[in-house]
Protein backbone atom coordinates (compact mmCIF):
# COMPACT_ATOMS: atom_id res chain seq x y z
CA UNK A 1 -66.72 55.73 75.57
CA UNK A 2 -70.17 54.22 75.89
CA UNK A 3 -73.04 55.13 78.17
CA UNK A 4 -74.46 51.94 79.66
CA UNK A 5 -77.73 51.70 81.59
CA UNK A 6 -77.33 49.76 84.85
CA UNK A 7 -79.66 48.54 87.56
CA UNK A 8 -79.08 47.03 90.96
CA UNK A 9 -81.70 45.38 93.14
CA UNK A 10 -81.15 46.26 96.78
CA UNK A 11 -82.95 45.49 100.00
CA UNK A 12 -84.84 48.21 101.87
CA UNK A 13 -82.15 48.00 104.57
CA UNK A 14 -79.39 48.56 102.01
CA UNK A 15 -81.31 51.55 100.67
CA UNK A 16 -81.66 52.99 104.17
CA UNK A 17 -77.91 52.58 104.74
CA UNK A 18 -77.06 54.23 101.41
CA UNK A 19 -79.46 57.10 102.05
CA UNK A 20 -77.87 57.63 105.47
CA UNK A 21 -74.37 57.59 103.95
CA UNK A 22 -74.64 58.49 100.23
CA UNK A 23 -70.87 58.93 99.93
CA UNK A 24 -70.57 55.13 100.20
CA UNK A 25 -72.36 54.53 96.89
CA UNK A 26 -69.23 54.19 94.74
CA UNK A 27 -67.76 51.49 97.00
CA UNK A 28 -71.15 49.77 97.13
CA UNK A 29 -71.46 49.65 93.33
CA UNK A 30 -67.78 49.08 92.55
CA UNK A 31 -66.33 47.15 95.52
CA UNK A 32 -62.57 46.72 95.58
CA UNK A 33 -62.85 43.61 97.71
CA UNK A 34 -65.48 41.09 98.62
CA UNK A 35 -68.06 39.29 96.53
CA UNK A 36 -69.90 40.90 93.65
CA UNK A 37 -73.68 40.80 93.74
CA UNK A 38 -75.23 37.77 92.08
CA UNK A 39 -76.32 38.09 88.45
CA UNK A 40 -80.01 38.21 89.39
CA UNK A 41 -79.37 41.34 91.50
CA UNK A 42 -77.85 43.44 88.69
CA UNK A 43 -78.77 44.28 85.11
CA UNK A 44 -77.02 46.02 82.24
CA UNK A 45 -79.22 47.15 79.34
CA UNK A 46 -76.26 48.43 77.38
CA UNK A 47 -76.94 51.42 75.12
CA UNK A 48 -80.65 50.59 74.75
CA UNK A 49 -81.53 52.63 77.85
CA UNK A 50 -82.26 55.88 76.03
CA UNK A 51 -84.35 54.30 73.27
CA UNK A 52 -86.37 52.37 75.86
CA UNK A 53 -86.98 55.57 77.82
CA UNK A 54 -88.02 57.44 74.66
CA UNK A 55 -90.37 54.68 73.53
CA UNK A 56 -91.97 54.45 76.98
CA UNK A 57 -92.25 58.19 77.72
CA UNK A 58 -92.33 59.88 74.30
CA UNK A 59 -89.71 62.36 75.49
CA UNK A 60 -85.93 62.59 75.36
CA UNK A 61 -85.29 63.13 79.09
CA UNK A 62 -88.59 63.68 80.87
CA UNK A 63 -91.69 61.60 81.53
CA UNK A 64 -94.41 60.87 84.01
CA UNK A 65 -94.28 58.32 86.80
CA UNK A 66 -94.41 55.44 86.87
CA UNK A 67 -92.97 54.92 83.36
CA UNK A 68 -90.22 57.53 83.73
CA UNK A 69 -88.95 55.46 86.66
CA UNK A 70 -88.10 52.56 84.36
CA UNK A 71 -84.95 54.29 83.09
CA UNK A 72 -84.43 57.94 84.08
CA UNK A 73 -86.58 58.32 87.17
CA UNK A 74 -86.01 57.95 90.85
CA UNK A 75 -84.38 60.23 93.37
CA UNK A 76 -80.66 61.06 93.23
CA UNK A 77 -78.67 59.27 95.90
CA UNK A 78 -76.41 62.10 96.97
CA UNK A 79 -74.15 63.83 94.48
CA UNK A 80 -71.32 61.33 94.01
CA UNK A 81 -70.88 60.61 90.29
CA UNK A 82 -70.84 56.86 89.65
CA UNK A 83 -70.35 57.21 85.92
CA UNK A 84 -72.54 59.81 84.29
CA UNK A 85 -73.95 61.54 87.34
CA UNK A 86 -75.22 60.16 90.62
CA UNK A 87 -77.11 56.90 91.06
CA UNK A 88 -80.86 57.24 91.50
CA UNK A 89 -83.05 55.06 93.65
CA UNK A 90 -86.58 53.73 93.62
CA UNK A 91 -88.34 52.64 96.79
CA UNK A 92 -89.97 49.20 96.89
CA UNK A 93 -93.38 50.84 96.29
CA UNK A 94 -92.01 52.70 93.25
CA UNK A 95 -90.47 49.48 91.94
CA UNK A 96 -93.86 47.76 92.22
CA UNK A 97 -95.70 50.67 90.52
CA UNK A 98 -93.13 50.74 87.73
CA UNK A 99 -93.33 46.99 87.21
CA UNK A 100 -97.14 47.13 87.08
CA UNK A 101 -96.91 49.79 84.35
CA UNK A 102 -94.22 47.93 82.39
CA UNK A 103 -96.10 44.65 82.66
CA UNK A 104 -98.95 46.28 80.74
CA UNK A 105 -96.68 47.11 77.78
CA UNK A 106 -95.57 43.99 75.91
CA UNK A 107 -92.39 44.23 73.87
CA UNK A 108 -94.21 44.18 70.53
CA UNK A 109 -96.36 47.11 71.67
CA UNK A 110 -93.33 49.11 72.80
CA UNK A 111 -91.68 48.52 69.43
CA UNK A 112 -94.73 49.76 67.50
CA UNK A 113 -93.37 53.25 68.28
CA UNK A 114 -89.93 52.47 66.84
CA UNK A 115 -89.13 55.06 64.18
CA UNK A 116 -85.39 55.43 63.43
CA UNK A 117 -85.81 58.97 62.13
CA UNK A 118 -87.78 60.04 65.21
CA UNK A 119 -85.04 58.61 67.45
CA UNK A 120 -82.40 60.55 65.51
CA UNK A 121 -84.49 63.73 65.52
CA UNK A 122 -84.80 63.45 69.31
CA UNK A 123 -81.03 62.80 69.60
CA UNK A 124 -81.56 59.45 71.29
CA UNK A 125 -78.25 57.92 72.33
CA UNK A 126 -76.23 56.46 70.64
CA UNK A 127 -77.70 58.28 67.61
CA UNK A 128 -77.38 57.20 64.01
CA UNK A 129 -80.54 55.09 64.15
CA UNK A 130 -81.71 56.17 60.68
CA UNK A 131 -78.28 55.62 59.10
CA UNK A 132 -78.45 51.99 60.11
CA UNK A 133 -80.28 49.95 57.50
CA UNK A 134 -80.67 47.08 59.99
CA UNK A 135 -83.68 48.52 61.81
CA UNK A 136 -84.98 45.00 62.55
CA UNK A 137 -81.69 44.33 64.37
CA UNK A 138 -82.16 47.59 66.28
CA UNK A 139 -85.66 46.50 67.25
CA UNK A 140 -84.38 43.10 68.41
CA UNK A 141 -81.67 44.86 70.42
CA UNK A 142 -84.11 47.27 72.07
CA UNK A 143 -86.78 44.59 72.52
CA UNK A 144 -84.39 42.08 74.09
CA UNK A 145 -83.11 44.65 76.56
CA UNK A 146 -86.64 45.81 77.33
CA UNK A 147 -87.76 42.24 78.04
CA UNK A 148 -84.80 41.81 80.39
CA UNK A 149 -85.70 45.07 82.13
CA UNK A 150 -89.33 44.05 82.65
CA UNK A 151 -88.24 40.69 84.07
CA UNK A 152 -85.73 42.43 86.35
CA UNK A 153 -88.46 44.72 87.67
CA UNK A 154 -90.76 41.68 88.09
CA UNK A 155 -88.21 39.93 90.32
CA UNK A 156 -87.49 43.09 92.30
CA UNK A 157 -91.19 43.83 92.85
CA UNK A 158 -92.01 40.27 93.90
CA UNK A 159 -89.11 40.34 96.40
CA UNK A 160 -89.99 43.75 97.87
CA UNK A 161 -86.67 45.19 96.71
CA UNK A 162 -85.67 48.79 96.15
CA UNK A 163 -83.59 49.59 93.09
CA UNK A 164 -80.64 51.68 92.01
CA UNK A 165 -80.36 53.04 88.46
CA UNK A 166 -77.22 54.59 87.02
CA UNK A 167 -75.37 55.27 83.79
CA UNK A 168 -71.71 54.42 83.48
């Protein structure tokens, strides 16, 4: 079973409703009926989430705002597990702060810190980075997902959206 990093752009009103009724988060994220959110309102960065976090924050699970908010930050939205733990949320102001920080780190700069052995030593999911001789493919994989993440934050910040982050 894989751990996939997911994001969902939401309006401030949707965030207020979810905060008022956190037990509704599973139905919100995984509706049984009705339309799914449009592709520009959701993002999946696959298994690259942990490597991106590590390269941004220099730590396996911790970090300082605003960069920690790019992957593992935010406030838990209740205690309903939506995969691997509860969803976390960022307010519109936190989305903007996070985007401003990410916008200052181009993909090539992020990847300057790519060291397969360091990722393995830090137990960065999915592990096995140094056993893979295709480190340029790993860098393309991480870099492509990072670029998508920055663009997703750009759109959310410019629209005044809040954001949900969760692993499933």
